[in-house]
Amino acid sequence: MDNKAAIAMLAALSHERRLSVFHLLNGSGATGMNAGAIATALVVPPSSLSFHLTHLEQSGLISSKRFKRQIIYSVVPERLTHLVLYLTTMGAIGNPEFYGNISDEISGLIKSTEKNTISG
């Protein structure tokens, strides 16, 4: 990943509506959602949603595929993983303490999420 790609993804996620769309699609997993379902879930006008979906897709964070007469949108998990790795690698260069702290934080977050998923 290069700076240009990272900036495009961060810019796409820097808008509240796009971040909401991304969270919703991330929760839908590989199945994804059609634009109508996304618009209904987030109470977003279709024209506005189309703009935000295009922005997220151009950044590479989501993809679309045609299924019959619908377009299904889903998150591209590898792209988010690459972004996180890119950002953490940048901070870790010349600073091994940083990587250890990030690693501990991520492990704690995963454990917390798993605990909430199992109990909730």
C-alpha atoms as a PDB file:
ATOM      1  CA  MET A   1       0.000   0.000   0.000  1.00  0.00           C
ATOM      2  CA  ASP A   2       1.179   3.506  -0.719  1.00  0.00           C
ATOM      3  CA  ASN A   3       0.315   6.888   0.770  1.00  0.00           C
ATOM      4  CA  LYS A   4      -2.180   7.676  -2.007  1.00  0.00           C
ATOM      5  CA  ALA A   5      -4.232   4.520  -1.351  1.00  0.00           C
ATOM      6  CA  ALA A   6      -4.145   5.039   2.420  1.00  0.00           C
ATOM      7  CA  ILE A   7      -5.248   8.660   2.056  1.00  0.00           C
ATOM      8  CA  ALA A   8      -8.139   7.629  -0.230  1.00  0.00           C
ATOM      9  CA  MET A   9      -9.383   5.067   2.310  1.00  0.00           C
ATOM     10  CA  LEU A  10      -9.008   7.425   5.262  1.00  0.00           C
ATOM     11  CA  ALA A  11     -10.800  10.176   3.328  1.00  0.00           C
ATOM     12  CA  ALA A  12     -13.647   7.785   2.505  1.00  0.00           C
ATOM     13  CA  LEU A  13     -14.039   6.863   6.163  1.00  0.00           C
ATOM     14  CA  SER A  14     -13.738  10.450   7.383  1.00  0.00           C
ATOM     15  CA  HIS A  15     -17.378  11.251   6.574  1.00  0.00           C
ATOM     16  CA  GLU A  16     -19.983  10.283   9.172  1.00  0.00           C
ATOM     17  CA  ARG A  17     -22.458   8.842   6.669  1.00  0.00           C
ATOM     18  CA  ARG A  18     -19.794   6.789   4.851  1.00  0.00           C
ATOM     19  CA  LEU A  19     -18.475   5.486   8.152  1.00  0.00           C
ATOM     20  CA  SER A  20     -22.032   4.410   9.050  1.00  0.00           C
ATOM     21  CA  VAL A  21     -22.400   2.654   5.696  1.00  0.00           C
ATOM     22  CA  PHE A  22     -19.056   0.945   6.189  1.00  0.00           C
ATOM     23  CA  HIS A  23     -20.016  -0.252   9.701  1.00  0.00           C
ATOM     24  CA  LEU A  24     -23.349  -1.566   8.442  1.00  0.00           C
ATOM     25  CA  LEU A  25     -21.760  -3.427   5.537  1.00  0.00           C
ATOM     26  CA  ASN A  26     -19.013  -4.772   7.766  1.00  0.00           C
ATOM     27  CA  GLY A  27     -21.691  -6.248  10.007  1.00  0.00           C
ATOM     28  CA  SER A  28     -23.396  -7.899   7.042  1.00  0.00           C
ATOM     29  CA  GLY A  29     -20.297  -9.983   6.284  1.00  0.00           C
ATOM     30  CA  ALA A  30     -19.607 -11.546   2.908  1.00  0.00           C
ATOM     31  CA  THR A  31     -23.342 -11.581   2.087  1.00  0.00           C
ATOM     32  CA  GLY A  32     -23.402  -7.808   1.760  1.00  0.00           C
ATOM     33  CA  MET A  33     -26.493  -5.674   1.247  1.00  0.00           C
ATOM     34  CA  ASN A  34     -28.303  -4.016  -1.622  1.00  0.00           C
ATOM     35  CA  ALA A  35     -28.579  -0.234  -1.784  1.00  0.00           C
ATOM     36  CA  GLY A  36     -32.262  -0.269  -0.847  1.00  0.00           C
ATOM     37  CA  ALA A  37     -31.607  -2.197   2.364  1.00  0.00           C
ATOM     38  CA  ILE A  38     -28.730   0.127   3.245  1.00  0.00           C
ATOM     39  CA  ALA A  39     -30.861   3.225   2.597  1.00  0.00           C
ATOM     40  CA  THR A  40     -33.681   1.824   4.737  1.00  0.00           C
ATOM     41  CA  ALA A  41     -31.393   0.785   7.604  1.00  0.00           C
ATOM     42  CA  LEU A  42     -29.635   4.162   7.741  1.00  0.00           C
ATOM     43  CA  VAL A  43     -32.619   6.318   6.682  1.00  0.00           C
ATOM     44  CA  VAL A  44     -30.622   7.860   3.826  1.00  0.00           C
ATOM     45  CA  PRO A  45     -32.054   9.216   0.563  1.00  0.00           C
ATOM     46  CA  PRO A  46     -31.036   6.938  -2.352  1.00  0.00           C
ATOM     47  CA  SER A  47     -29.308   9.757  -4.275  1.00  0.00           C
ATOM     48  CA  SER A  48     -27.156  10.637  -1.275  1.00  0.00           C
ATOM     49  CA  LEU A  49     -26.410   6.983  -0.590  1.00  0.00           C
ATOM     50  CA  SER A  50     -25.305   6.433  -4.172  1.00  0.00           C
ATOM     51  CA  PHE A  51     -22.715   9.200  -3.825  1.00  0.00           C
ATOM     52  CA  HIS A  52     -21.317   7.702  -0.608  1.00  0.00           C
ATOM     53  CA  LEU A  53     -21.269   4.138  -1.945  1.00  0.00           C
ATOM     54  CA  THR A  54     -19.346   5.338  -5.001  1.00  0.00           C
ATOM     55  CA  HIS A  55     -16.806   7.106  -2.791  1.00  0.00           C
ATOM     56  CA  LEU A  56     -16.296   3.983  -0.621  1.00  0.00           C
ATOM     57  CA  GLU A  57     -16.033   1.766  -3.686  1.00  0.00           C
ATOM     58  CA  GLN A  58     -13.497   4.031  -5.385  1.00  0.00           C
ATOM     59  CA  SER A  59     -11.343   3.869  -2.247  1.00  0.00           C
ATOM     60  CA  GLY A  60     -11.383   0.074  -2.463  1.00  0.00           C
ATOM     61  CA  LEU A  61     -12.998  -0.427   0.952  1.00  0.00           C
ATOM     62  CA  ILE A  62     -16.178  -1.908  -0.511  1.00  0.00           C
ATOM     63  CA  SER A  63     -17.019  -3.749  -3.691  1.00  0.00           C
ATOM     64  CA  SER A  64     -20.205  -4.297  -5.636  1.00  0.00           C
ATOM     65  CA  LYS A  65     -21.520  -7.200  -7.645  1.00  0.00           C
ATOM     66  CA  ARG A  66     -24.667  -7.623  -9.653  1.00  0.00           C
ATOM     67  CA  PHE A  67     -27.103 -10.262  -8.438  1.00  0.00           C
ATOM     68  CA  LYS A  68     -30.106 -10.543 -10.736  1.00  0.00           C
ATOM     69  CA  ARG A  69     -31.515  -7.000 -10.815  1.00  0.00           C
ATOM     70  CA  GLN A  70     -29.760  -5.751  -7.692  1.00  0.00           C
ATOM     71  CA  ILE A  71     -26.307  -4.479  -6.885  1.00  0.00           C
ATOM     72  CA  ILE A  72     -24.929  -6.002  -3.702  1.00  0.00           C
ATOM     73  CA  TYR A  73     -22.310  -4.061  -1.749  1.00  0.00           C
ATOM     74  CA  SER A  74     -19.886  -5.662   0.683  1.00  0.00           C
ATOM     75  CA  VAL A  75     -16.730  -4.747   2.572  1.00  0.00           C
ATOM     76  CA  VAL A  76     -13.359  -5.827   1.162  1.00  0.00           C
ATOM     77  CA  PRO A  77     -11.781  -6.978   4.448  1.00  0.00           C
ATOM     78  CA  GLU A  78      -8.274  -7.306   2.997  1.00  0.00           C
ATOM     79  CA  ARG A  79      -8.212  -3.595   2.163  1.00  0.00           C
ATOM     80  CA  LEU A  80      -9.023  -2.582   5.733  1.00  0.00           C
ATOM     81  CA  THR A  81      -6.436  -5.053   7.027  1.00  0.00           C
ATOM     82  CA  HIS A  82      -3.837  -3.578   4.673  1.00  0.00           C
ATOM     83  CA  LEU A  83      -4.705  -0.055   5.847  1.00  0.00           C
ATOM     84  CA  VAL A  84      -4.346  -0.981   9.515  1.00  0.00           C
ATOM     85  CA  LEU A  85      -1.067  -2.793   8.853  1.00  0.00           C
ATOM     86  CA  TYR A  86       0.214   0.124   6.804  1.00  0.00           C
ATOM     87  CA  LEU A  87      -0.602   2.622   9.543  1.00  0.00           C
ATOM     88  CA  THR A  88       0.846   0.503  12.342  1.00  0.00           C
ATOM     89  CA  THR A  89       3.968  -0.313  10.357  1.00  0.00           C
ATOM     90  CA  MET A  90       4.576   3.387   9.802  1.00  0.00           C
ATOM     91  CA  GLY A  91       4.452   3.970  13.559  1.00  0.00           C
ATOM     92  CA  ALA A  92       6.536   0.913  14.367  1.00  0.00           C
ATOM     93  CA  ILE A  93       9.512   1.815  12.191  1.00  0.00           C
ATOM     94  CA  GLY A  94      12.286   2.792  14.565  1.00  0.00           C
ATOM     95  CA  ASN A  95       9.950   2.470  17.547  1.00  0.00           C
ATOM     96  CA  PRO A  96       9.506  -1.170  18.654  1.00  0.00           C
ATOM     97  CA  GLU A  97       7.619  -0.044  21.769  1.00  0.00           C
ATOM     98  CA  PHE A  98       4.831   1.309  19.568  1.00  0.00           C
ATOM     99  CA  TYR A  99       4.225  -2.044  17.915  1.00  0.00           C
ATOM    100  CA  GLY A 100       4.043  -3.820  21.274  1.00  0.00           C
ATOM    101  CA  ASN A 101       1.455  -1.350  22.543  1.00  0.00           C
ATOM    102  CA  ILE A 102      -0.652  -1.589  19.386  1.00  0.00           C
ATOM    103  CA  SER A 103      -0.464  -5.380  19.462  1.00  0.00           C
ATOM    104  CA  ASP A 104      -1.658  -5.450  23.080  1.00  0.00           C
ATOM    105  CA  GLU A 105      -4.489  -3.020  22.319  1.00  0.00           C
ATOM    106  CA  ILE A 106      -5.688  -5.056  19.336  1.00  0.00           C
ATOM    107  CA  SER A 107      -5.569  -8.297  21.345  1.00  0.00           C
ATOM    108  CA  GLY A 108      -7.573  -6.657  24.134  1.00  0.00           C
ATOM    109  CA  LEU A 109     -10.132  -5.339  21.676  1.00  0.00           C
ATOM    110  CA  ILE A 110     -10.561  -8.743  20.057  1.00  0.00           C
ATOM    111  CA  LYS A 111     -11.022 -10.453  23.427  1.00  0.00           C
ATOM    112  CA  SER A 112     -13.513  -7.809  24.528  1.00  0.00           C
ATOM    113  CA  THR A 113     -15.482  -8.127  21.287  1.00  0.00           C
ATOM    114  CA  GLU A 114     -15.529 -11.918  21.526  1.00  0.00           C
ATOM    115  CA  LYS A 115     -16.713 -11.765  25.133  1.00  0.00           C
ATOM    116  CA  ASN A 116     -19.513  -9.305  24.225  1.00  0.00           C
ATOM    117  CA  THR A 117     -20.525 -11.425  21.219  1.00  0.00           C
ATOM    118  CA  ILE A 118     -20.703 -14.616  23.252  1.00  0.00           C
ATOM    119  CA  SER A 119     -22.529 -13.075  26.242  1.00  0.00           C
ATOM    120  CA  GLY A 120     -24.730 -10.693  24.207  1.00  0.00           C
END
